[in-house]
Amino acid sequence: MDLTAFLFATAVAHVGFAIFVTGHAYLTGEEAGNWPYVTLALGLAGVAGYFFYDELS
C-alpha cells in the first residue's frame, strides 16, 4: 500500500470518528469535553475512551 494513501485514509477515519463522537454527545445531551480532540489524535482509542471512561465526580 502506498504510504500517502494510508496516511490519507487514516486521517479521514480519525476525522470521521471525531465527528461521530461530537454528534453522539450532541444528540444524547452529554458533555463531549476533550474527547473529539483525543479522537482526532488517537482514532479508535479516543472513541473507546469517550464511551468507557467514567470520570469520578
N, C-alpha and C. Protein backbone atom coordinates (compact mmCIF):
# COMPACT_ATOMS: atom_id res chain seq x y z
N MET A 1 0.84 -1.17 0.00
CA MET A 1 0.00 0.00 0.00
C MET A 1 0.89 1.24 0.00
N ASP A 2 0.47 2.20 -0.74
CA ASP A 2 1.18 3.47 -0.82
C ASP A 2 1.07 4.21 0.51
N LEU A 3 2.17 4.75 1.01
CA LEU A 3 2.19 5.44 2.30
C LEU A 3 1.26 6.65 2.30
N THR A 4 1.22 7.38 1.22
CA THR A 4 0.36 8.56 1.14
C THR A 4 -1.11 8.16 1.23
N ALA A 5 -1.49 7.12 0.55
CA ALA A 5 -2.88 6.65 0.60
C ALA A 5 -3.23 6.17 2.00
N PHE A 6 -2.31 5.48 2.65
CA PHE A 6 -2.55 5.00 4.01
C PHE A 6 -2.74 6.17 4.98
N LEU A 7 -1.87 7.17 4.90
CA LEU A 7 -1.97 8.32 5.79
C LEU A 7 -3.26 9.11 5.54
N PHE A 8 -3.64 9.24 4.29
CA PHE A 8 -4.88 9.93 3.95
C PHE A 8 -6.09 9.18 4.50
N ALA A 9 -6.12 7.87 4.31
CA ALA A 9 -7.24 7.07 4.81
C ALA A 9 -7.31 7.12 6.34
N THR A 10 -6.17 7.11 6.99
CA THR A 10 -6.14 7.20 8.45
C THR A 10 -6.65 8.55 8.91
N ALA A 11 -6.24 9.62 8.27
CA ALA A 11 -6.70 10.96 8.63
C ALA A 11 -8.21 11.09 8.44
N VAL A 12 -8.71 10.57 7.35
CA VAL A 12 -10.15 10.63 7.09
C VAL A 12 -10.92 9.84 8.15
N ALA A 13 -10.40 8.68 8.53
CA ALA A 13 -11.06 7.87 9.56
C ALA A 13 -11.07 8.60 10.90
N HIS A 14 -9.96 9.22 11.27
CA HIS A 14 -9.89 9.93 12.55
C HIS A 14 -10.86 11.11 12.58
N VAL A 15 -10.95 11.83 11.49
CA VAL A 15 -11.91 12.94 11.41
C VAL A 15 -13.33 12.40 11.51
N GLY A 16 -13.61 11.31 10.84
CA GLY A 16 -14.94 10.71 10.91
C GLY A 16 -15.28 10.25 12.32
N PHE A 17 -14.33 9.65 13.02
CA PHE A 17 -14.55 9.23 14.40
C PHE A 17 -14.82 10.44 15.29
N ALA A 18 -14.08 11.52 15.09
CA ALA A 18 -14.27 12.72 15.89
C ALA A 18 -15.65 13.34 15.64
N ILE A 19 -16.09 13.33 14.40
CA ILE A 19 -17.43 13.82 14.08
C ILE A 19 -18.48 12.94 14.74
N PHE A 20 -18.26 11.64 14.74
CA PHE A 20 -19.19 10.71 15.39
C PHE A 20 -19.28 10.99 16.89
N VAL A 21 -18.15 11.16 17.55
CA VAL A 21 -18.13 11.44 18.99
C VAL A 21 -18.86 12.75 19.28
N THR A 22 -18.58 13.78 18.50
CA THR A 22 -19.24 15.07 18.70
C THR A 22 -20.74 14.97 18.47
N GLY A 23 -21.13 14.28 17.42
CA GLY A 23 -22.56 14.10 17.12
C GLY A 23 -23.27 13.30 18.19
N HIS A 24 -22.64 12.25 18.68
CA HIS A 24 -23.25 11.44 19.72
C HIS A 24 -23.43 12.26 21.00
N ALA A 25 -22.42 13.03 21.36
CA ALA A 25 -22.53 13.87 22.55
C ALA A 25 -23.65 14.89 22.40
N TYR A 26 -23.76 15.47 21.24
CA TYR A 26 -24.81 16.46 20.99
C TYR A 26 -26.21 15.83 21.07
N LEU A 27 -26.38 14.68 20.43
CA LEU A 27 -27.70 14.04 20.38
C LEU A 27 -28.13 13.47 21.73
N THR A 28 -27.18 13.06 22.56
CA THR A 28 -27.53 12.49 23.86
C THR A 28 -27.50 13.52 24.97
N GLY A 29 -27.07 14.73 24.68
CA GLY A 29 -27.01 15.77 25.68
C GLY A 29 -25.83 15.63 26.64
N GLU A 30 -24.88 14.81 26.29
CA GLU A 30 -23.69 14.61 27.11
C GLU A 30 -22.67 15.69 26.81
N GLU A 31 -21.73 15.87 27.72
CA GLU A 31 -20.62 16.79 27.53
C GLU A 31 -19.51 16.04 26.78
N ALA A 32 -19.10 16.54 25.64
CA ALA A 32 -18.05 15.88 24.85
C ALA A 32 -16.68 16.11 25.45
N GLY A 33 -16.50 17.23 26.12
CA GLY A 33 -15.20 17.52 26.72
C GLY A 33 -14.10 17.59 25.68
N ASN A 34 -12.98 16.99 25.98
CA ASN A 34 -11.83 16.97 25.05
C ASN A 34 -11.81 15.72 24.19
N TRP A 35 -12.82 14.86 24.30
CA TRP A 35 -12.80 13.60 23.58
C TRP A 35 -12.74 13.74 22.06
N PRO A 36 -13.38 14.73 21.45
CA PRO A 36 -13.19 14.86 19.99
C PRO A 36 -11.73 15.11 19.60
N TYR A 37 -11.01 15.89 20.42
CA TYR A 37 -9.60 16.17 20.13
C TYR A 37 -8.73 14.93 20.36
N VAL A 38 -9.04 14.21 21.42
CA VAL A 38 -8.32 12.96 21.69
C VAL A 38 -8.57 11.98 20.55
N THR A 39 -9.81 11.93 20.07
CA THR A 39 -10.15 11.02 18.97
C THR A 39 -9.44 11.42 17.69
N LEU A 40 -9.30 12.72 17.44
CA LEU A 40 -8.54 13.14 16.26
C LEU A 40 -7.11 12.63 16.31
N ALA A 41 -6.53 12.62 17.50
CA ALA A 41 -5.14 12.20 17.63
C ALA A 41 -4.99 10.69 17.69
N LEU A 42 -5.90 10.00 18.36
CA LEU A 42 -5.70 8.57 18.63
C LEU A 42 -6.69 7.64 17.93
N GLY A 43 -7.68 8.18 17.25
CA GLY A 43 -8.60 7.35 16.50
C GLY A 43 -9.51 6.52 17.38
N LEU A 44 -9.52 5.20 17.17
CA LEU A 44 -10.41 4.31 17.90
C LEU A 44 -10.17 4.33 19.40
N ALA A 45 -8.96 4.59 19.82
CA ALA A 45 -8.68 4.69 21.26
C ALA A 45 -9.46 5.85 21.86
N GLY A 46 -9.59 6.95 21.15
CA GLY A 46 -10.38 8.08 21.62
C GLY A 46 -11.86 7.75 21.69
N VAL A 47 -12.36 7.01 20.72
CA VAL A 47 -13.77 6.60 20.73
C VAL A 47 -14.02 5.70 21.93
N ALA A 48 -13.13 4.74 22.16
CA ALA A 48 -13.28 3.84 23.31
C ALA A 48 -13.21 4.63 24.61
N GLY A 49 -12.31 5.59 24.71
CA GLY A 49 -12.22 6.40 25.91
C GLY A 49 -13.49 7.20 26.15
N TYR A 50 -14.04 7.74 25.08
CA TYR A 50 -15.28 8.52 25.21
C TYR A 50 -16.41 7.66 25.77
N PHE A 51 -16.54 6.44 25.28
CA PHE A 51 -17.64 5.58 25.70
C PHE A 51 -17.39 4.90 27.04
N PHE A 52 -16.15 4.58 27.38
CA PHE A 52 -15.89 3.75 28.55
C PHE A 52 -15.22 4.47 29.71
N TYR A 53 -14.74 5.69 29.52
CA TYR A 53 -14.10 6.42 30.60
C TYR A 53 -15.16 7.03 31.48
N ASP A 54 -15.14 6.67 32.74
CA ASP A 54 -16.13 7.18 33.69
C ASP A 54 -15.40 8.09 34.66
N GLU A 55 -15.56 9.39 34.49
CA GLU A 55 -14.89 10.36 35.34
C GLU A 55 -15.48 10.33 36.74
N LEU A 56 -14.61 10.31 37.72
CA LEU A 56 -15.08 10.35 39.10
C LEU A 56 -15.59 11.73 39.42
N SER A 57 -16.74 11.81 40.09
CA SER A 57 -17.30 13.12 40.40
C SER A 57 -17.03 13.54 41.82
